[in-house]
Amino acid sequence: MSDDLKAGVGADATGALGHFEGKTFVLHNRVYFHDTDAAGIVYHGTYFNFAERARTEMLRHLRVDPDWLWQEYRLRFVIVGAELDFRRPAVHDDVIEIRTDYRATTAARMILHQTMLVDGEVCTALRITVSQIKENGRPVRLPQPALDAMAPYLQPLKPSE
């Protein structure tokens, strides 16, 4: 981890945390007591919270902030599918490296793969399917400016995925 992150510095000009390594967005997140169960192990539902933080920060870096989408287009993101592959536990005070890969966009959905590592070892992997909805709850395509901002970071799915 960089000295800047250790010092609590890491926001860019947009105020977003994390950074891109090539096409992969990387965010570091420390595990606090409130993230764990009585045994000091990260509660399984908390991995989804960590993943959401990373997705949101990635979108902020791309200037596709969820608040901007609401203000400009009256649309919101909703999770329509989530798969979690748990490999090993993270515990209190671990620093989790969350790696987010943008893998596909269809008419009104996008697929992201997120991998969480502790000390370089995968602890959890997620496949998240996100849709966009208007105020009335109906699915809608992402606006072209959002697609354009995200396009350079697309890592297409392989046939086996």
N, C-alpha and C. Protein backbone atom coordinates (compact mmCIF):
# COMPACT_ATOMS: atom_id res chain seq x y z
N MET A 1 0.85 -1.18 0.00
CA MET A 1 0.00 0.00 0.00
C MET A 1 0.89 1.24 0.00
N SER A 2 0.44 2.28 -0.71
CA SER A 2 1.26 3.49 -0.82
C SER A 2 1.30 4.24 0.50
N ASP A 3 2.35 5.05 0.67
CA ASP A 3 2.47 5.86 1.87
C ASP A 3 1.32 6.85 1.98
N ASP A 4 0.85 7.36 0.82
CA ASP A 4 -0.29 8.30 0.84
C ASP A 4 -1.52 7.65 1.43
N LEU A 5 -1.81 6.39 1.05
CA LEU A 5 -2.99 5.71 1.59
C LEU A 5 -2.82 5.45 3.07
N LYS A 6 -1.61 5.06 3.47
CA LYS A 6 -1.37 4.81 4.88
C LYS A 6 -1.58 6.08 5.69
N ALA A 7 -1.27 7.21 5.09
CA ALA A 7 -1.42 8.49 5.79
C ALA A 7 -2.86 9.01 5.72
N GLY A 8 -3.74 8.29 5.02
CA GLY A 8 -5.12 8.73 4.94
C GLY A 8 -5.38 9.66 3.76
N VAL A 9 -4.40 9.81 2.89
CA VAL A 9 -4.54 10.65 1.72
C VAL A 9 -4.79 9.72 0.54
N GLY A 10 -5.63 10.13 -0.39
CA GLY A 10 -5.85 9.25 -1.53
C GLY A 10 -6.93 9.75 -2.44
N ALA A 11 -7.54 10.88 -2.13
CA ALA A 11 -8.61 11.40 -2.98
C ALA A 11 -8.01 12.16 -4.16
N ASP A 12 -8.69 12.06 -5.30
CA ASP A 12 -8.26 12.84 -6.45
C ASP A 12 -9.01 14.17 -6.46
N ALA A 13 -8.92 14.90 -7.58
CA ALA A 13 -9.55 16.22 -7.67
C ALA A 13 -11.07 16.15 -7.54
N THR A 14 -11.67 15.00 -7.84
CA THR A 14 -13.13 14.86 -7.72
C THR A 14 -13.53 14.52 -6.29
N GLY A 15 -12.55 14.25 -5.43
CA GLY A 15 -12.84 13.81 -4.07
C GLY A 15 -12.96 12.30 -3.98
N ALA A 16 -12.79 11.61 -5.11
CA ALA A 16 -12.91 10.15 -5.13
C ALA A 16 -11.66 9.51 -4.53
N LEU A 17 -11.88 8.42 -3.84
CA LEU A 17 -10.78 7.64 -3.28
C LEU A 17 -10.41 6.53 -4.24
N GLY A 18 -9.25 5.93 -4.04
CA GLY A 18 -8.80 4.83 -4.88
C GLY A 18 -8.14 5.33 -6.15
N HIS A 19 -7.81 4.38 -7.04
CA HIS A 19 -7.12 4.71 -8.28
C HIS A 19 -7.28 3.57 -9.28
N PHE A 20 -6.96 3.86 -10.53
CA PHE A 20 -6.94 2.83 -11.56
C PHE A 20 -5.53 2.30 -11.72
N GLU A 21 -5.43 0.98 -11.86
CA GLU A 21 -4.20 0.31 -12.29
C GLU A 21 -4.55 -0.31 -13.63
N GLY A 22 -4.16 0.36 -14.70
CA GLY A 22 -4.61 -0.07 -16.02
C GLY A 22 -6.12 0.13 -16.10
N LYS A 23 -6.85 -0.94 -16.39
CA LYS A 23 -8.30 -0.87 -16.49
C LYS A 23 -9.00 -1.30 -15.21
N THR A 24 -8.25 -1.69 -14.20
CA THR A 24 -8.81 -2.16 -12.94
C THR A 24 -8.80 -1.05 -11.90
N PHE A 25 -9.95 -0.83 -11.26
CA PHE A 25 -10.03 0.17 -10.21
C PHE A 25 -9.68 -0.50 -8.88
N VAL A 26 -8.86 0.18 -8.08
CA VAL A 26 -8.38 -0.37 -6.81
C VAL A 26 -8.72 0.58 -5.66
N LEU A 27 -9.34 0.04 -4.63
CA LEU A 27 -9.66 0.80 -3.42
C LEU A 27 -9.23 -0.04 -2.22
N HIS A 28 -8.59 0.60 -1.26
CA HIS A 28 -8.21 -0.08 -0.03
C HIS A 28 -9.20 0.31 1.08
N ASN A 29 -9.58 -0.69 1.87
CA ASN A 29 -10.56 -0.46 2.93
C ASN A 29 -10.12 -1.23 4.18
N ARG A 30 -9.98 -0.52 5.28
CA ARG A 30 -9.62 -1.17 6.54
C ARG A 30 -10.86 -1.78 7.20
N VAL A 31 -10.69 -2.93 7.83
CA VAL A 31 -11.78 -3.59 8.55
C VAL A 31 -11.83 -3.03 9.98
N TYR A 32 -12.98 -2.50 10.35
CA TYR A 32 -13.20 -1.97 11.69
C TYR A 32 -14.07 -2.93 12.49
N PHE A 33 -14.14 -2.74 13.81
CA PHE A 33 -14.94 -3.62 14.64
C PHE A 33 -16.37 -3.73 14.16
N HIS A 34 -16.97 -2.62 13.72
CA HIS A 34 -18.37 -2.67 13.30
C HIS A 34 -18.58 -3.48 12.02
N ASP A 35 -17.50 -3.86 11.33
CA ASP A 35 -17.60 -4.68 10.13
C ASP A 35 -17.60 -6.18 10.45
N THR A 36 -17.35 -6.52 11.72
CA THR A 36 -17.13 -7.92 12.08
C THR A 36 -18.26 -8.48 12.94
N ASP A 37 -18.25 -9.81 13.06
CA ASP A 37 -19.18 -10.48 13.96
C ASP A 37 -18.50 -10.64 15.33
N ALA A 38 -19.11 -11.38 16.23
CA ALA A 38 -18.57 -11.54 17.59
C ALA A 38 -17.21 -12.21 17.62
N ALA A 39 -16.88 -12.96 16.56
CA ALA A 39 -15.59 -13.65 16.50
C ALA A 39 -14.49 -12.78 15.89
N GLY A 40 -14.84 -11.54 15.48
CA GLY A 40 -13.85 -10.65 14.88
C GLY A 40 -13.64 -10.90 13.40
N ILE A 41 -14.52 -11.71 12.78
CA ILE A 41 -14.44 -12.02 11.36
C ILE A 41 -15.43 -11.12 10.62
N VAL A 42 -15.06 -10.66 9.43
CA VAL A 42 -15.95 -9.80 8.66
C VAL A 42 -17.26 -10.54 8.40
N TYR A 43 -18.36 -9.91 8.77
CA TYR A 43 -19.69 -10.45 8.55
C TYR A 43 -19.92 -10.56 7.04
N HIS A 44 -20.52 -11.67 6.58
CA HIS A 44 -20.62 -11.92 5.14
C HIS A 44 -21.32 -10.80 4.38
N GLY A 45 -22.33 -10.19 4.93
CA GLY A 45 -23.04 -9.11 4.24
C GLY A 45 -22.19 -7.85 4.08
N THR A 46 -21.18 -7.71 4.92
CA THR A 46 -20.32 -6.53 4.87
C THR A 46 -19.49 -6.49 3.60
N TYR A 47 -19.19 -7.65 3.02
CA TYR A 47 -18.44 -7.67 1.76
C TYR A 47 -19.21 -6.92 0.67
N PHE A 48 -20.54 -7.00 0.70
CA PHE A 48 -21.34 -6.27 -0.28
C PHE A 48 -21.22 -4.76 -0.05
N ASN A 49 -21.12 -4.35 1.22
CA ASN A 49 -20.91 -2.91 1.51
C ASN A 49 -19.57 -2.45 0.98
N PHE A 50 -18.52 -3.24 1.23
CA PHE A 50 -17.19 -2.90 0.73
C PHE A 50 -17.21 -2.78 -0.80
N ALA A 51 -17.88 -3.73 -1.45
CA ALA A 51 -17.95 -3.75 -2.92
C ALA A 51 -18.68 -2.50 -3.43
N GLU A 52 -19.75 -2.11 -2.75
CA GLU A 52 -20.48 -0.92 -3.19
C GLU A 52 -19.62 0.33 -3.07
N ARG A 53 -18.85 0.44 -2.00
CA ARG A 53 -17.95 1.59 -1.86
C ARG A 53 -16.99 1.66 -3.04
N ALA A 54 -16.43 0.53 -3.40
CA ALA A 54 -15.46 0.51 -4.50
C ALA A 54 -16.13 0.88 -5.83
N ARG A 55 -17.32 0.34 -6.08
CA ARG A 55 -18.02 0.69 -7.32
C ARG A 55 -18.33 2.17 -7.37
N THR A 56 -18.79 2.72 -6.27
CA THR A 56 -19.14 4.14 -6.22
C THR A 56 -17.91 5.01 -6.44
N GLU A 57 -16.80 4.69 -5.81
CA GLU A 57 -15.57 5.47 -5.99
C GLU A 57 -15.06 5.36 -7.43
N MET A 58 -15.19 4.17 -8.03
CA MET A 58 -14.80 4.01 -9.42
C MET A 58 -15.62 4.95 -10.31
N LEU A 59 -16.93 4.97 -10.09
CA LEU A 59 -17.79 5.84 -10.89
C LEU A 59 -17.47 7.31 -10.66
N ARG A 60 -17.12 7.68 -9.43
CA ARG A 60 -16.72 9.07 -9.16
C ARG A 60 -15.48 9.43 -9.97
N HIS A 61 -14.51 8.52 -10.02
CA HIS A 61 -13.30 8.77 -10.82
C HIS A 61 -13.64 9.01 -12.28
N LEU A 62 -14.66 8.31 -12.76
CA LEU A 62 -15.06 8.42 -14.17
C LEU A 62 -16.04 9.57 -14.40
N ARG A 63 -16.36 10.30 -13.32
CA ARG A 63 -17.33 11.39 -13.37
C ARG A 63 -18.71 10.92 -13.80
N VAL A 64 -19.04 9.69 -13.36
CA VAL A 64 -20.36 9.11 -13.57
C VAL A 64 -20.96 8.87 -12.18
N ASP A 65 -20.81 9.85 -11.34
CA ASP A 65 -21.25 9.77 -9.96
C ASP A 65 -22.76 9.49 -9.91
N PRO A 66 -23.20 8.58 -9.04
CA PRO A 66 -24.63 8.29 -8.93
C PRO A 66 -25.50 9.53 -8.67
N ASP A 67 -24.99 10.48 -7.94
CA ASP A 67 -25.77 11.71 -7.70
C ASP A 67 -25.92 12.52 -8.98
N TRP A 68 -24.88 12.56 -9.80
CA TRP A 68 -24.95 13.25 -11.10
C TRP A 68 -25.99 12.59 -12.00
N LEU A 69 -25.98 11.23 -12.01
CA LEU A 69 -26.97 10.52 -12.83
C LEU A 69 -28.40 10.85 -12.40
N TRP A 70 -28.60 10.99 -11.10
CA TRP A 70 -29.93 11.33 -10.60
C TRP A 70 -30.30 12.76 -10.98
N GLN A 71 -29.39 13.68 -10.75
CA GLN A 71 -29.68 15.09 -11.04
C GLN A 71 -29.88 15.36 -12.53
N GLU A 72 -29.07 14.74 -13.38
CA GLU A 72 -29.13 15.01 -14.81
C GLU A 72 -30.16 14.16 -15.56
N TYR A 73 -30.33 12.90 -15.12
CA TYR A 73 -31.14 11.95 -15.89
C TYR A 73 -32.27 11.29 -15.09
N ARG A 74 -32.34 11.58 -13.79
CA ARG A 74 -33.36 10.99 -12.91
C ARG A 74 -33.31 9.46 -12.97
N LEU A 75 -32.09 8.92 -12.91
CA LEU A 75 -31.97 7.47 -12.86
C LEU A 75 -31.08 7.06 -11.71
N ARG A 76 -31.29 5.82 -11.26
CA ARG A 76 -30.55 5.24 -10.15
C ARG A 76 -30.04 3.86 -10.56
N PHE A 77 -28.95 3.45 -9.91
CA PHE A 77 -28.45 2.09 -10.07
C PHE A 77 -29.16 1.19 -9.07
N VAL A 78 -29.46 -0.03 -9.49
CA VAL A 78 -29.98 -1.05 -8.58
C VAL A 78 -29.23 -2.35 -8.88
N ILE A 79 -28.96 -3.11 -7.84
CA ILE A 79 -28.31 -4.41 -8.00
C ILE A 79 -29.41 -5.42 -8.34
N VAL A 80 -29.25 -6.10 -9.47
CA VAL A 80 -30.24 -7.10 -9.87
C VAL A 80 -29.67 -8.51 -9.79
N GLY A 81 -28.38 -8.62 -9.55
CA GLY A 81 -27.76 -9.92 -9.37
C GLY A 81 -26.46 -9.79 -8.61
N ALA A 82 -26.22 -10.72 -7.71
CA ALA A 82 -24.97 -10.69 -6.93
C ALA A 82 -24.57 -12.11 -6.58
N GLU A 83 -23.34 -12.45 -6.93
CA GLU A 83 -22.77 -13.75 -6.57
C GLU A 83 -21.53 -13.48 -5.73
N LEU A 84 -21.41 -14.18 -4.60
CA LEU A 84 -20.25 -14.01 -3.73
C LEU A 84 -19.57 -15.35 -3.58
N ASP A 85 -18.28 -15.40 -3.85
CA ASP A 85 -17.48 -16.60 -3.68
C ASP A 85 -16.52 -16.33 -2.53
N PHE A 86 -16.83 -16.91 -1.37
CA PHE A 86 -16.02 -16.70 -0.17
C PHE A 86 -14.88 -17.69 -0.16
N ARG A 87 -13.65 -17.19 0.01
CA ARG A 87 -12.48 -18.08 0.00
C ARG A 87 -11.82 -18.20 1.39
N ARG A 88 -11.68 -17.06 2.07
CA ARG A 88 -11.09 -17.08 3.41
C ARG A 88 -11.53 -15.81 4.13
N PRO A 89 -11.55 -15.83 5.45
CA PRO A 89 -12.07 -14.66 6.16
C PRO A 89 -11.09 -13.50 6.22
N ALA A 90 -11.66 -12.31 6.24
CA ALA A 90 -10.91 -11.11 6.60
C ALA A 90 -11.28 -10.83 8.06
N VAL A 91 -10.36 -10.24 8.80
CA VAL A 91 -10.59 -10.02 10.22
C VAL A 91 -10.33 -8.56 10.58
N HIS A 92 -10.68 -8.22 11.82
CA HIS A 92 -10.49 -6.85 12.30
C HIS A 92 -9.08 -6.36 12.02
N ASP A 93 -8.99 -5.14 11.52
CA ASP A 93 -7.78 -4.40 11.24
C ASP A 93 -7.07 -4.82 9.94
N ASP A 94 -7.59 -5.84 9.24
CA ASP A 94 -7.04 -6.14 7.91
C ASP A 94 -7.29 -4.96 6.99
N VAL A 95 -6.41 -4.77 6.01
CA VAL A 95 -6.66 -3.82 4.94
C VAL A 95 -7.02 -4.66 3.71
N ILE A 96 -8.24 -4.47 3.24
CA ILE A 96 -8.73 -5.22 2.09
C ILE A 96 -8.49 -4.39 0.84
N GLU A 97 -7.87 -4.99 -0.14
CA GLU A 97 -7.69 -4.37 -1.45
C GLU A 97 -8.86 -4.84 -2.31
N ILE A 98 -9.69 -3.90 -2.74
CA ILE A 98 -10.86 -4.23 -3.56
C ILE A 98 -10.55 -3.85 -4.99
N ARG A 99 -10.55 -4.84 -5.88
CA ARG A 99 -10.23 -4.63 -7.29
C ARG A 99 -11.52 -4.80 -8.09
N THR A 100 -11.89 -3.76 -8.84
CA THR A 100 -13.14 -3.76 -9.60
C THR A 100 -12.85 -3.72 -11.09
N ASP A 101 -13.42 -4.69 -11.79
CA ASP A 101 -13.27 -4.79 -13.24
C ASP A 101 -14.64 -4.66 -13.89
N TYR A 102 -14.76 -3.72 -14.81
CA TYR A 102 -15.98 -3.49 -15.59
C TYR A 102 -15.95 -4.47 -16.75
N ARG A 103 -16.92 -5.41 -16.80
CA ARG A 103 -16.82 -6.52 -17.73
C ARG A 103 -17.80 -6.49 -18.89
N ALA A 104 -18.99 -5.89 -18.74
CA ALA A 104 -19.95 -5.91 -19.85
C ALA A 104 -21.03 -4.87 -19.63
N THR A 105 -21.61 -4.41 -20.75
CA THR A 105 -22.80 -3.57 -20.72
C THR A 105 -23.77 -4.13 -21.75
N THR A 106 -25.01 -4.32 -21.32
CA THR A 106 -26.07 -4.70 -22.25
C THR A 106 -27.04 -3.54 -22.31
N ALA A 107 -28.22 -3.76 -22.85
CA ALA A 107 -29.19 -2.67 -23.03
C ALA A 107 -29.39 -1.85 -21.74
N ALA A 108 -29.64 -2.50 -20.64
CA ALA A 108 -29.89 -1.75 -19.41
C ALA A 108 -29.18 -2.36 -18.21
N ARG A 109 -28.08 -3.06 -18.45
CA ARG A 109 -27.33 -3.69 -17.36
C ARG A 109 -25.84 -3.57 -17.60
N MET A 110 -25.12 -3.66 -16.50
CA MET A 110 -23.67 -3.79 -16.61
C MET A 110 -23.22 -4.84 -15.61
N ILE A 111 -22.12 -5.49 -15.94
CA ILE A 111 -21.58 -6.55 -15.09
C ILE A 111 -20.20 -6.12 -14.63
N LEU A 112 -19.98 -6.28 -13.33
CA LEU A 112 -18.68 -5.96 -12.74
C LEU A 112 -18.19 -7.16 -11.95
N HIS A 113 -16.90 -7.42 -12.03
CA HIS A 113 -16.26 -8.43 -11.20
C HIS A 113 -15.44 -7.69 -10.16
N GLN A 114 -15.59 -8.11 -8.92
CA GLN A 114 -14.84 -7.49 -7.84
C GLN A 114 -14.13 -8.56 -7.03
N THR A 115 -12.85 -8.34 -6.80
CA THR A 115 -12.04 -9.27 -6.04
C THR A 115 -11.49 -8.55 -4.82
N MET A 116 -11.59 -9.19 -3.67
CA MET A 116 -11.07 -8.62 -2.43
C MET A 116 -9.90 -9.45 -1.95
N LEU A 117 -8.79 -8.76 -1.70
CA LEU A 117 -7.57 -9.44 -1.29
C LEU A 117 -7.08 -8.90 0.05
N VAL A 118 -6.51 -9.77 0.84
CA VAL A 118 -5.83 -9.40 2.07
C VAL A 118 -4.42 -9.94 1.97
N ASP A 119 -3.44 -9.07 2.09
CA ASP A 119 -2.03 -9.46 1.95
C ASP A 119 -1.79 -10.23 0.66
N GLY A 120 -2.43 -9.78 -0.42
CA GLY A 120 -2.23 -10.38 -1.73
C GLY A 120 -2.99 -11.67 -1.99
N GLU A 121 -3.73 -12.18 -1.01
CA GLU A 121 -4.49 -13.42 -1.18
C GLU A 121 -5.97 -13.10 -1.30
N VAL A 122 -6.64 -13.75 -2.26
CA VAL A 122 -8.07 -13.52 -2.46
C VAL A 122 -8.85 -14.05 -1.26
N CYS A 123 -9.69 -13.19 -0.70
CA CYS A 123 -10.58 -13.65 0.38
C CYS A 123 -12.01 -13.78 -0.13
N THR A 124 -12.40 -12.93 -1.07
CA THR A 124 -13.77 -12.95 -1.59
C THR A 124 -13.76 -12.45 -3.02
N ALA A 125 -14.62 -13.05 -3.85
CA ALA A 125 -14.80 -12.58 -5.22
C ALA A 125 -16.30 -12.41 -5.46
N LEU A 126 -16.66 -11.34 -6.15
CA LEU A 126 -18.07 -11.06 -6.42
C LEU A 126 -18.28 -10.81 -7.90
N ARG A 127 -19.45 -11.19 -8.37
CA ARG A 127 -19.93 -10.83 -9.71
C ARG A 127 -21.23 -10.08 -9.47
N ILE A 128 -21.23 -8.82 -9.85
CA ILE A 128 -22.36 -7.94 -9.59
C ILE A 128 -22.99 -7.52 -10.91
N THR A 129 -24.30 -7.65 -11.00
CA THR A 129 -25.05 -7.18 -12.16
C THR A 129 -25.88 -5.99 -11.72
N VAL A 130 -25.66 -4.87 -12.39
CA VAL A 130 -26.30 -3.61 -12.03
C VAL A 130 -27.23 -3.20 -13.17
N SER A 131 -28.40 -2.69 -12.80
CA SER A 131 -29.30 -2.13 -13.79
C SER A 131 -29.53 -0.66 -13.45
N GLN A 132 -30.08 0.05 -14.38
CA GLN A 132 -30.41 1.46 -14.15
C GLN A 132 -31.93 1.58 -14.28
N ILE A 133 -32.52 2.34 -13.37
CA ILE A 133 -33.97 2.55 -13.42
C ILE A 133 -34.28 4.04 -13.34
N LYS A 134 -35.39 4.42 -13.93
CA LYS A 134 -35.90 5.79 -13.84
C LYS A 134 -36.73 5.90 -12.57
N GLU A 135 -37.22 7.09 -12.30
CA GLU A 135 -38.05 7.35 -11.11
C GLU A 135 -39.23 6.40 -11.01
N ASN A 136 -39.78 6.00 -12.15
CA ASN A 136 -40.95 5.13 -12.15
C ASN A 136 -40.59 3.65 -11.94
N GLY A 137 -39.29 3.35 -11.78
CA GLY A 137 -38.86 1.99 -11.53
C GLY A 137 -38.60 1.16 -12.78
N ARG A 138 -38.78 1.75 -13.94
CA ARG A 138 -38.58 1.02 -15.20
C ARG A 138 -37.10 1.06 -15.61
N PRO A 139 -36.60 -0.06 -16.15
CA PRO A 139 -35.20 -0.09 -16.61
C PRO A 139 -34.97 0.91 -17.74
N VAL A 140 -33.76 1.42 -17.81
CA VAL A 140 -33.40 2.40 -18.83
C VAL A 140 -31.92 2.21 -19.18
N ARG A 141 -31.56 2.56 -20.40
CA ARG A 141 -30.16 2.51 -20.81
C ARG A 141 -29.36 3.58 -20.07
N LEU A 142 -28.08 3.31 -19.91
CA LEU A 142 -27.20 4.36 -19.39
C LEU A 142 -27.08 5.46 -20.44
N PRO A 143 -27.03 6.71 -20.02
CA PRO A 143 -26.84 7.80 -20.98
C PRO A 143 -25.49 7.67 -21.69
N GLN A 144 -25.43 8.15 -22.92
CA GLN A 144 -24.21 8.03 -23.72
C GLN A 144 -22.98 8.64 -23.04
N PRO A 145 -23.09 9.81 -22.36
CA PRO A 145 -21.89 10.33 -21.68
C PRO A 145 -21.33 9.37 -20.63
N ALA A 146 -22.19 8.62 -19.96
CA ALA A 146 -21.73 7.64 -18.97
C ALA A 146 -21.05 6.47 -19.67
N LEU A 147 -21.66 5.97 -20.74
CA LEU A 147 -21.06 4.87 -21.50
C LEU A 147 -19.70 5.28 -22.07
N ASP A 148 -19.62 6.49 -22.58
CA ASP A 148 -18.36 6.99 -23.14
C ASP A 148 -17.26 7.06 -22.08
N ALA A 149 -17.62 7.49 -20.87
CA ALA A 149 -16.63 7.60 -19.79
C ALA A 149 -16.14 6.23 -19.34
N MET A 150 -17.02 5.24 -19.38
CA MET A 150 -16.68 3.91 -18.91
C MET A 150 -16.00 3.05 -19.97
N ALA A 151 -16.23 3.33 -21.24
CA ALA A 151 -15.75 2.48 -22.34
C ALA A 151 -14.26 2.16 -22.29
N PRO A 152 -13.37 3.12 -21.99
CA PRO A 152 -11.93 2.77 -21.98
C PRO A 152 -11.56 1.73 -20.92
N TYR A 153 -12.43 1.49 -19.95
CA TYR A 153 -12.12 0.56 -18.85
C TYR A 153 -12.80 -0.78 -19.01
N LEU A 154 -13.53 -0.98 -20.09
CA LEU A 154 -14.23 -2.25 -20.33
C LEU A 154 -13.22 -3.35 -20.55
N GLN A 155 -13.41 -4.46 -19.83
CA GLN A 155 -12.62 -5.68 -20.01
C GLN A 155 -13.61 -6.77 -20.36
N PRO A 156 -13.87 -6.99 -21.64
CA PRO A 156 -14.96 -7.89 -22.05
C PRO A 156 -14.89 -9.27 -21.41
N LEU A 157 -16.09 -9.81 -21.14
CA LEU A 157 -16.21 -11.14 -20.60
C LEU A 157 -15.65 -12.16 -21.59
N LYS A 158 -15.05 -13.20 -21.07
CA LYS A 158 -14.62 -14.31 -21.89
C LYS A 158 -15.80 -15.27 -22.04
N PRO A 159 -15.85 -16.08 -23.09
CA PRO A 159 -17.01 -16.97 -23.28
C PRO A 159 -17.31 -17.86 -22.07
N SER A 160 -16.29 -18.20 -21.28
CA SER A 160 -16.49 -19.08 -20.12
C SER A 160 -17.04 -18.35 -18.90
N GLU A 161 -17.15 -17.01 -18.96
CA GLU A 161 -17.58 -16.25 -17.79
C GLU A 161 -19.08 -16.05 -17.79
